[in-house]
C-alpha cells in the first residue's frame, strides 16, 4: 500500500493513538488526513482536516463517508474501555457501550467506506485491536469481549473485501501510554511506536501488527492447550 500521496481517515484522532496515527501518515507523505472525532474542535493538529464523526450514529457515519469520498486508507481507532462493567457485579452499561463503539462502530465505518475504497482500487482498512482480543480479562471483561468481536470482524472484512483489493490489517498491542490505560502502572509502549509499526505494515502489505512482546506471547499461546497456558 502506497502511503505517499494517499488520502486517509483516522477515527478517534483527537488524542492518543489516533493522533499518533494521523501524524505518522503525514510524516509518511500522505496527501491529506481526515482527523475524525465526535467533537472536531478537539482536533488541534493544524496539518489535518477535522471531521465530525460519531461511529455509533448511522447518520454521522453516512455523512462522513459522503464528505470524505476521496480516501484510500481508513484507520478504525475510535474506542472505549468500559471500565464501569465488573465481571460479577454492577450494570452492563459500560460493556454495551464498548460493543457499540469498538465492534459495531468499526463495522459501520468499514461498511460505509468499503465502496469508497473500491472506487480507489481497494485501498486499506486498519482496525485498532488489542492483546485482549485473545485473552479474557476479569478486570475489564466488557472491553476484552468487544475486542474479541472486533478481531472476528476484522477477519470477516479481510475475506469479504479481498475481491475488491482492500488490504485489511489488525493492530494488536498491550497497554499503550494513553488516557485509556492511565489507571494502571503496568509497562506501556508509546502511541508513536504503535503508529510507526502500523505504517510499516501498510507499506509492506502485512495483515497483522503485534506491537509488543506481551502481545506476541499471547498470539503464540493460542495454540497451547488451555490447561498449559500461563494465564490460567
C-alpha atoms as a PDB file:
ATOM      1  CA  UNK A   1       0.000   0.000   0.000  1.00  0.00           C
ATOM      2  CA  UNK A   2       1.416   3.357  -1.031  1.00  0.00           C
ATOM      3  CA  UNK A   3       1.038   5.964   1.713  1.00  0.00           C
ATOM      4  CA  UNK A   4       2.771   8.844  -0.057  1.00  0.00           C
ATOM      5  CA  UNK A   5       0.129  10.994  -1.699  1.00  0.00           C
ATOM      6  CA  UNK A   6      -2.733   8.941  -0.275  1.00  0.00           C
ATOM      7  CA  UNK A   7      -5.795  10.370   1.448  1.00  0.00           C
ATOM      8  CA  UNK A   8      -6.552   8.805   4.818  1.00  0.00           C
ATOM      9  CA  UNK A   9      -9.157   8.945   7.554  1.00  0.00           C
ATOM     10  CA  UNK A  10      -8.488   8.170  11.217  1.00  0.00           C
ATOM     11  CA  UNK A  11     -11.327   7.789  13.709  1.00  0.00           C
ATOM     12  CA  UNK A  12     -10.818   8.938  17.278  1.00  0.00           C
ATOM     13  CA  UNK A  13      -7.987  11.120  16.011  1.00  0.00           C
ATOM     14  CA  UNK A  14      -8.116  13.906  18.575  1.00  0.00           C
ATOM     15  CA  UNK A  15      -5.773  12.210  21.076  1.00  0.00           C
ATOM     16  CA  UNK A  16      -3.690   9.158  21.959  1.00  0.00           C
ATOM     17  CA  UNK A  17      -3.084   6.515  19.335  1.00  0.00           C
ATOM     18  CA  UNK A  18      -5.438   8.209  16.859  1.00  0.00           C
ATOM     19  CA  UNK A  19      -3.467  11.432  16.944  1.00  0.00           C
ATOM     20  CA  UNK A  20      -0.233   9.426  16.522  1.00  0.00           C
ATOM     21  CA  UNK A  21      -1.729   7.609  13.516  1.00  0.00           C
ATOM     22  CA  UNK A  22      -2.672  10.909  11.877  1.00  0.00           C
ATOM     23  CA  UNK A  23       0.775  12.365  12.477  1.00  0.00           C
ATOM     24  CA  UNK A  24       2.546   9.242  11.198  1.00  0.00           C
ATOM     25  CA  UNK A  25       0.500   9.255   8.000  1.00  0.00           C
ATOM     26  CA  UNK A  26       1.509  12.848   7.336  1.00  0.00           C
ATOM     27  CA  UNK A  27       5.143  12.062   8.120  1.00  0.00           C
ATOM     28  CA  UNK A  28       4.975   9.243   5.560  1.00  0.00           C
ATOM     29  CA  UNK A  29       3.799  11.693   2.909  1.00  0.00           C
ATOM     30  CA  UNK A  30       0.011  11.279   2.939  1.00  0.00           C
ATOM     31  CA  UNK A  31      -1.593  13.983   0.851  1.00  0.00           C
ATOM     32  CA  UNK A  32      -4.486  14.564   3.250  1.00  0.00           C
ATOM     33  CA  UNK A  33      -5.578  13.141   6.585  1.00  0.00           C
ATOM     34  CA  UNK A  34      -9.108  13.484   7.887  1.00  0.00           C
ATOM     35  CA  UNK A  35      -8.960  13.507  11.699  1.00  0.00           C
ATOM     36  CA  UNK A  36     -12.381  12.250  12.742  1.00  0.00           C
ATOM     37  CA  UNK A  37     -13.799  12.857  16.215  1.00  0.00           C
ATOM     38  CA  UNK A  38     -17.171  13.365  17.848  1.00  0.00           C
ATOM     39  CA  UNK A  39     -16.028  16.913  18.615  1.00  0.00           C
ATOM     40  CA  UNK A  40     -13.888  18.203  15.718  1.00  0.00           C
ATOM     41  CA  UNK A  41     -12.880  21.209  17.825  1.00  0.00           C
ATOM     42  CA  UNK A  42     -10.809  18.807  19.937  1.00  0.00           C
ATOM     43  CA  UNK A  43      -8.525  18.163  16.936  1.00  0.00           C
ATOM     44  CA  UNK A  44      -5.613  20.556  17.415  1.00  0.00           C
ATOM     45  CA  UNK A  45      -3.157  19.475  14.702  1.00  0.00           C
ATOM     46  CA  UNK A  46      -3.208  22.215  12.054  1.00  0.00           C
ATOM     47  CA  UNK A  47      -1.979  19.806   9.357  1.00  0.00           C
ATOM     48  CA  UNK A  48      -5.070  17.569   9.372  1.00  0.00           C
ATOM     49  CA  UNK A  49      -8.676  18.074   8.284  1.00  0.00           C
ATOM     50  CA  UNK A  50     -11.053  17.827  11.267  1.00  0.00           C
ATOM     51  CA  UNK A  51     -14.161  15.782  10.555  1.00  0.00           C
ATOM     52  CA  UNK A  52     -17.212  15.272  12.751  1.00  0.00           C
ATOM     53  CA  UNK A  53     -17.861  11.548  13.222  1.00  0.00           C
ATOM     54  CA  UNK A  54     -19.701   9.607  15.898  1.00  0.00           C
ATOM     55  CA  UNK A  55     -19.178   5.948  14.967  1.00  0.00           C
ATOM     56  CA  UNK A  56     -22.325   4.933  16.890  1.00  0.00           C
ATOM     57  CA  UNK A  57     -24.556   7.282  14.849  1.00  0.00           C
ATOM     58  CA  UNK A  58     -25.598   5.915  11.449  1.00  0.00           C
ATOM     59  CA  UNK A  59     -26.321   9.370  10.042  1.00  0.00           C
ATOM     60  CA  UNK A  60     -22.942  10.674  11.183  1.00  0.00           C
ATOM     61  CA  UNK A  61     -21.126   7.718   9.595  1.00  0.00           C
ATOM     62  CA  UNK A  62     -23.014   8.148   6.314  1.00  0.00           C
ATOM     63  CA  UNK A  63     -22.272  11.888   6.244  1.00  0.00           C
ATOM     64  CA  UNK A  64     -18.567  11.266   6.847  1.00  0.00           C
ATOM     65  CA  UNK A  65     -18.392   8.725   4.013  1.00  0.00           C
ATOM     66  CA  UNK A  66     -20.092  11.195   1.683  1.00  0.00           C
ATOM     67  CA  UNK A  67     -17.766  14.050   2.638  1.00  0.00           C
ATOM     68  CA  UNK A  68     -14.518  12.029   2.733  1.00  0.00           C
ATOM     69  CA  UNK A  69     -15.167  10.285  -0.579  1.00  0.00           C
ATOM     70  CA  UNK A  70     -11.535  10.562  -1.661  1.00  0.00           C
ATOM     71  CA  UNK A  71      -9.932   8.303   0.955  1.00  0.00           C
ATOM     72  CA  UNK A  72      -7.901   5.190   0.214  1.00  0.00           C
ATOM     73  CA  UNK A  73      -6.883   4.409   3.823  1.00  0.00           C
ATOM     74  CA  UNK A  74      -9.333   4.101   6.727  1.00  0.00           C
ATOM     75  CA  UNK A  75      -7.996   3.579  10.262  1.00  0.00           C
ATOM     76  CA  UNK A  76     -10.634   2.469  12.758  1.00  0.00           C
ATOM     77  CA  UNK A  77      -9.131   3.680  16.006  1.00  0.00           C
ATOM     78  CA  UNK A  78     -12.109   5.078  17.958  1.00  0.00           C
ATOM     79  CA  UNK A  79     -12.656   3.044  21.090  1.00  0.00           C
ATOM     80  CA  UNK A  80     -13.761   3.000  24.716  1.00  0.00           C
ATOM     81  CA  UNK A  81     -12.636   0.910  27.669  1.00  0.00           C
ATOM     82  CA  UNK A  82     -15.884   0.027  29.515  1.00  0.00           C
ATOM     83  CA  UNK A  83     -14.342   0.496  32.983  1.00  0.00           C
ATOM     84  CA  UNK A  84     -17.712   0.529  34.739  1.00  0.00           C
ATOM     85  CA  UNK A  85     -18.602  -3.086  33.964  1.00  0.00           C
ATOM     86  CA  UNK A  86     -17.346  -5.603  36.540  1.00  0.00           C
ATOM     87  CA  UNK A  87     -17.292  -9.345  35.916  1.00  0.00           C
ATOM     88  CA  UNK A  88     -19.730 -10.427  38.646  1.00  0.00           C
ATOM     89  CA  UNK A  89     -21.380  -7.241  39.872  1.00  0.00           C
ATOM     90  CA  UNK A  90     -22.859  -3.985  38.613  1.00  0.00           C
ATOM     91  CA  UNK A  91     -24.612  -2.895  35.399  1.00  0.00           C
ATOM     92  CA  UNK A  92     -23.729  -3.905  31.850  1.00  0.00           C
ATOM     93  CA  UNK A  93     -23.909  -0.339  30.519  1.00  0.00           C
ATOM     94  CA  UNK A  94     -20.163   0.041  30.001  1.00  0.00           C
ATOM     95  CA  UNK A  95     -19.889  -3.290  28.198  1.00  0.00           C
ATOM     96  CA  UNK A  96     -22.759  -2.387  25.903  1.00  0.00           C
ATOM     97  CA  UNK A  97     -21.087   0.934  25.089  1.00  0.00           C
ATOM     98  CA  UNK A  98     -17.810  -0.851  24.354  1.00  0.00           C
ATOM     99  CA  UNK A  99     -19.587  -3.186  21.957  1.00  0.00           C
ATOM    100  CA  UNK A 100     -21.376  -0.253  20.310  1.00  0.00           C
ATOM    101  CA  UNK A 101     -18.172   1.743  19.782  1.00  0.00           C
ATOM    102  CA  UNK A 102     -15.428  -0.846  19.372  1.00  0.00           C
ATOM    103  CA  UNK A 103     -17.351  -3.502  17.451  1.00  0.00           C
ATOM    104  CA  UNK A 104     -20.444  -2.021  15.816  1.00  0.00           C
ATOM    105  CA  UNK A 105     -18.724   1.339  15.279  1.00  0.00           C
ATOM    106  CA  UNK A 106     -15.836  -0.284  13.434  1.00  0.00           C
ATOM    107  CA  UNK A 107     -18.288  -2.349  11.411  1.00  0.00           C
ATOM    108  CA  UNK A 108     -20.375   0.698  10.486  1.00  0.00           C
ATOM    109  CA  UNK A 109     -17.364   2.714   9.331  1.00  0.00           C
ATOM    110  CA  UNK A 110     -15.908  -0.183   7.340  1.00  0.00           C
ATOM    111  CA  UNK A 111     -19.270  -0.852   5.688  1.00  0.00           C
ATOM    112  CA  UNK A 112     -19.799   2.822   4.799  1.00  0.00           C
ATOM    113  CA  UNK A 113     -16.313   3.314   3.361  1.00  0.00           C
ATOM    114  CA  UNK A 114     -15.972  -0.015   1.519  1.00  0.00           C
ATOM    115  CA  UNK A 115     -17.497   1.413  -1.699  1.00  0.00           C
ATOM    116  CA  UNK A 116     -15.247   4.476  -1.431  1.00  0.00           C
ATOM    117  CA  UNK A 117     -12.177   2.244  -1.164  1.00  0.00           C
ATOM    118  CA  UNK A 118     -13.389   0.086  -4.057  1.00  0.00           C
ATOM    119  CA  UNK A 119     -13.526   3.152  -6.281  1.00  0.00           C
ATOM    120  CA  UNK A 120      -9.907   3.862  -5.276  1.00  0.00           C
ATOM    121  CA  UNK A 121      -8.761   0.420  -6.357  1.00  0.00           C
ATOM    122  CA  UNK A 122      -9.138  -1.238  -2.966  1.00  0.00           C
ATOM    123  CA  UNK A 123      -7.086   0.802  -0.517  1.00  0.00           C
ATOM    124  CA  UNK A 124      -6.738  -0.336   3.086  1.00  0.00           C
ATOM    125  CA  UNK A 125      -8.684  -0.695   6.326  1.00  0.00           C
ATOM    126  CA  UNK A 126      -6.743  -0.749   9.596  1.00  0.00           C
ATOM    127  CA  UNK A 127      -8.524  -1.859  12.773  1.00  0.00           C
ATOM    128  CA  UNK A 128      -7.030  -0.981  16.151  1.00  0.00           C
ATOM    129  CA  UNK A 129      -7.421  -4.156  18.201  1.00  0.00           C
ATOM    130  CA  UNK A 130      -5.730  -5.376  21.408  1.00  0.00           C
ATOM    131  CA  UNK A 131      -3.924  -8.166  23.186  1.00  0.00           C
ATOM    132  CA  UNK A 132      -7.313  -8.507  24.889  1.00  0.00           C
ATOM    133  CA  UNK A 133      -8.705  -9.770  21.576  1.00  0.00           C
ATOM    134  CA  UNK A 134      -7.192 -13.145  22.549  1.00  0.00           C
ATOM    135  CA  UNK A 135      -7.111 -13.161  26.363  1.00  0.00           C
ATOM    136  CA  UNK A 136     -10.177 -12.864  28.572  1.00  0.00           C
ATOM    137  CA  UNK A 137      -9.724 -10.145  31.187  1.00  0.00           C
ATOM    138  CA  UNK A 138     -11.619 -10.402  34.506  1.00  0.00           C
ATOM    139  CA  UNK A 139     -10.594  -6.780  35.280  1.00  0.00           C
ATOM    140  CA  UNK A 140     -12.255  -5.427  32.122  1.00  0.00           C
ATOM    141  CA  UNK A 141     -14.434  -8.156  30.596  1.00  0.00           C
ATOM    142  CA  UNK A 142     -16.602  -5.815  28.531  1.00  0.00           C
ATOM    143  CA  UNK A 143     -13.630  -4.258  26.761  1.00  0.00           C
ATOM    144  CA  UNK A 144     -11.990  -7.638  26.112  1.00  0.00           C
ATOM    145  CA  UNK A 145     -15.198  -9.095  24.686  1.00  0.00           C
ATOM    146  CA  UNK A 146     -15.626  -6.129  22.355  1.00  0.00           C
ATOM    147  CA  UNK A 147     -12.060  -6.520  21.105  1.00  0.00           C
ATOM    148  CA  UNK A 148     -12.539 -10.251  20.551  1.00  0.00           C
ATOM    149  CA  UNK A 149     -15.626  -9.431  18.479  1.00  0.00           C
ATOM    150  CA  UNK A 150     -13.690  -6.745  16.603  1.00  0.00           C
ATOM    151  CA  UNK A 151     -10.943  -9.270  15.813  1.00  0.00           C
ATOM    152  CA  UNK A 152     -13.541 -11.655  14.358  1.00  0.00           C
ATOM    153  CA  UNK A 153     -14.980  -8.757  12.350  1.00  0.00           C
ATOM    154  CA  UNK A 154     -11.511  -7.878  11.072  1.00  0.00           C
ATOM    155  CA  UNK A 155     -11.069 -11.406   9.738  1.00  0.00           C
ATOM    156  CA  UNK A 156     -14.502 -11.279   8.117  1.00  0.00           C
ATOM    157  CA  UNK A 157     -13.688  -7.921   6.489  1.00  0.00           C
ATOM    158  CA  UNK A 158     -10.355  -9.283   5.241  1.00  0.00           C
ATOM    159  CA  UNK A 159     -12.146 -12.121   3.478  1.00  0.00           C
ATOM    160  CA  UNK A 160     -15.159 -10.099   2.372  1.00  0.00           C
ATOM    161  CA  UNK A 161     -13.177  -7.182   0.896  1.00  0.00           C
ATOM    162  CA  UNK A 162     -10.478  -9.301  -0.730  1.00  0.00           C
ATOM    163  CA  UNK A 163     -12.267  -9.348  -4.087  1.00  0.00           C
ATOM    164  CA  UNK A 164     -12.214  -5.547  -4.314  1.00  0.00           C
ATOM    165  CA  UNK A 165      -8.500  -5.461  -3.486  1.00  0.00           C
ATOM    166  CA  UNK A 166      -8.774  -3.948   0.004  1.00  0.00           C
ATOM    167  CA  UNK A 167      -5.932  -4.674   2.417  1.00  0.00           C
ATOM    168  CA  UNK A 168      -7.286  -5.262   5.956  1.00  0.00           C
ATOM    169  CA  UNK A 169      -4.827  -5.000   8.856  1.00  0.00           C
ATOM    170  CA  UNK A 170      -5.398  -5.841  12.513  1.00  0.00           C
ATOM    171  CA  UNK A 171      -3.199  -3.988  15.030  1.00  0.00           C
ATOM    172  CA  UNK A 172      -2.777  -5.713  18.386  1.00  0.00           C
ATOM    173  CA  UNK A 173      -0.989  -4.302  21.413  1.00  0.00           C
ATOM    174  CA  UNK A 174      -0.959  -4.462  25.176  1.00  0.00           C
ATOM    175  CA  UNK A 175      -1.048  -1.315  27.268  1.00  0.00           C
ATOM    176  CA  UNK A 176      -0.279   1.908  25.406  1.00  0.00           C
ATOM    177  CA  UNK A 177       0.560   5.157  27.194  1.00  0.00           C
ATOM    178  CA  UNK A 178      -2.778   6.931  26.643  1.00  0.00           C
ATOM    179  CA  UNK A 179      -5.718   8.140  28.727  1.00  0.00           C
ATOM    180  CA  UNK A 180      -7.389   4.735  28.267  1.00  0.00           C
ATOM    181  CA  UNK A 181      -4.661   2.997  30.289  1.00  0.00           C
ATOM    182  CA  UNK A 182      -3.984   5.751  32.815  1.00  0.00           C
ATOM    183  CA  UNK A 183      -5.489   3.588  35.567  1.00  0.00           C
ATOM    184  CA  UNK A 184      -2.608   1.075  35.564  1.00  0.00           C
ATOM    185  CA  UNK A 185       1.121   1.230  36.273  1.00  0.00           C
ATOM    186  CA  UNK A 186       1.808  -1.762  34.023  1.00  0.00           C
ATOM    187  CA  UNK A 187       4.549  -1.382  31.371  1.00  0.00           C
ATOM    188  CA  UNK A 188       3.324   0.567  28.351  1.00  0.00           C
ATOM    189  CA  UNK A 189       4.551   1.344  24.872  1.00  0.00           C
ATOM    190  CA  UNK A 190       4.146   4.702  23.165  1.00  0.00           C
ATOM    191  CA  UNK A 191       1.379   5.610  20.693  1.00  0.00           C
ATOM    192  CA  UNK A 192       4.137   6.679  18.300  1.00  0.00           C
ATOM    193  CA  UNK A 193       5.584   3.150  18.263  1.00  0.00           C
ATOM    194  CA  UNK A 194       2.170   1.650  17.508  1.00  0.00           C
ATOM    195  CA  UNK A 195       1.731   4.138  14.658  1.00  0.00           C
ATOM    196  CA  UNK A 196       5.212   3.502  13.239  1.00  0.00           C
ATOM    197  CA  UNK A 197       4.712  -0.274  13.218  1.00  0.00           C
ATOM    198  CA  UNK A 198       1.350   0.197  11.533  1.00  0.00           C
ATOM    199  CA  UNK A 199       2.811   2.418   8.810  1.00  0.00           C
ATOM    200  CA  UNK A 200       5.415  -0.272   8.143  1.00  0.00           C
ATOM    201  CA  UNK A 201       2.681  -2.905   7.863  1.00  0.00           C
ATOM    202  CA  UNK A 202       0.755  -0.722   5.427  1.00  0.00           C
ATOM    203  CA  UNK A 203       3.799  -0.171   3.229  1.00  0.00           C
ATOM    204  CA  UNK A 204       4.599  -3.886   3.120  1.00  0.00           C
ATOM    205  CA  UNK A 205       1.011  -5.193   2.887  1.00  0.00           C
ATOM    206  CA  UNK A 206       1.245  -7.124   6.159  1.00  0.00           C
ATOM    207  CA  UNK A 207      -2.050  -8.293   7.599  1.00  0.00           C
ATOM    208  CA  UNK A 208      -1.210  -8.057  11.284  1.00  0.00           C
ATOM    209  CA  UNK A 209       0.780  -5.931  13.729  1.00  0.00           C
ATOM    210  CA  UNK A 210       1.918  -7.422  17.045  1.00  0.00           C
ATOM    211  CA  UNK A 211       3.241  -4.314  18.734  1.00  0.00           C
ATOM    212  CA  UNK A 212       4.904  -5.647  21.890  1.00  0.00           C
ATOM    213  CA  UNK A 213       6.315  -8.786  23.463  1.00  0.00           C
ATOM    214  CA  UNK A 214       3.237  -9.449  25.600  1.00  0.00           C
ATOM    215  CA  UNK A 215       1.049  -9.414  22.505  1.00  0.00           C
ATOM    216  CA  UNK A 216       3.375 -11.706  20.580  1.00  0.00           C
ATOM    217  CA  UNK A 217       3.340 -14.135  23.513  1.00  0.00           C
ATOM    218  CA  UNK A 218      -0.463 -14.051  23.707  1.00  0.00           C
ATOM    219  CA  UNK A 219      -0.775 -14.791  19.995  1.00  0.00           C
ATOM    220  CA  UNK A 220       1.679 -17.680  20.244  1.00  0.00           C
ATOM    221  CA  UNK A 221      -0.224 -19.111  23.226  1.00  0.00           C
ATOM    222  CA  UNK A 222      -3.434 -19.533  21.227  1.00  0.00           C
ATOM    223  CA  UNK A 223      -2.214 -22.936  20.067  1.00  0.00           C
ATOM    224  CA  UNK A 224      -1.296 -24.027  23.613  1.00  0.00           C
ATOM    225  CA  UNK A 225      -3.747 -26.355  25.448  1.00  0.00           C
ATOM    226  CA  UNK A 226      -5.847 -24.378  27.925  1.00  0.00           C
ATOM    227  CA  UNK A 227      -4.503 -26.224  30.963  1.00  0.00           C
ATOM    228  CA  UNK A 228      -0.911 -25.436  29.927  1.00  0.00           C
ATOM    229  CA  UNK A 229      -1.319 -21.701  29.403  1.00  0.00           C
ATOM    230  CA  UNK A 230       0.369 -19.321  31.810  1.00  0.00           C
ATOM    231  CA  UNK A 231      -2.735 -17.107  32.090  1.00  0.00           C
ATOM    232  CA  UNK A 232      -4.783 -19.871  33.729  1.00  0.00           C
END
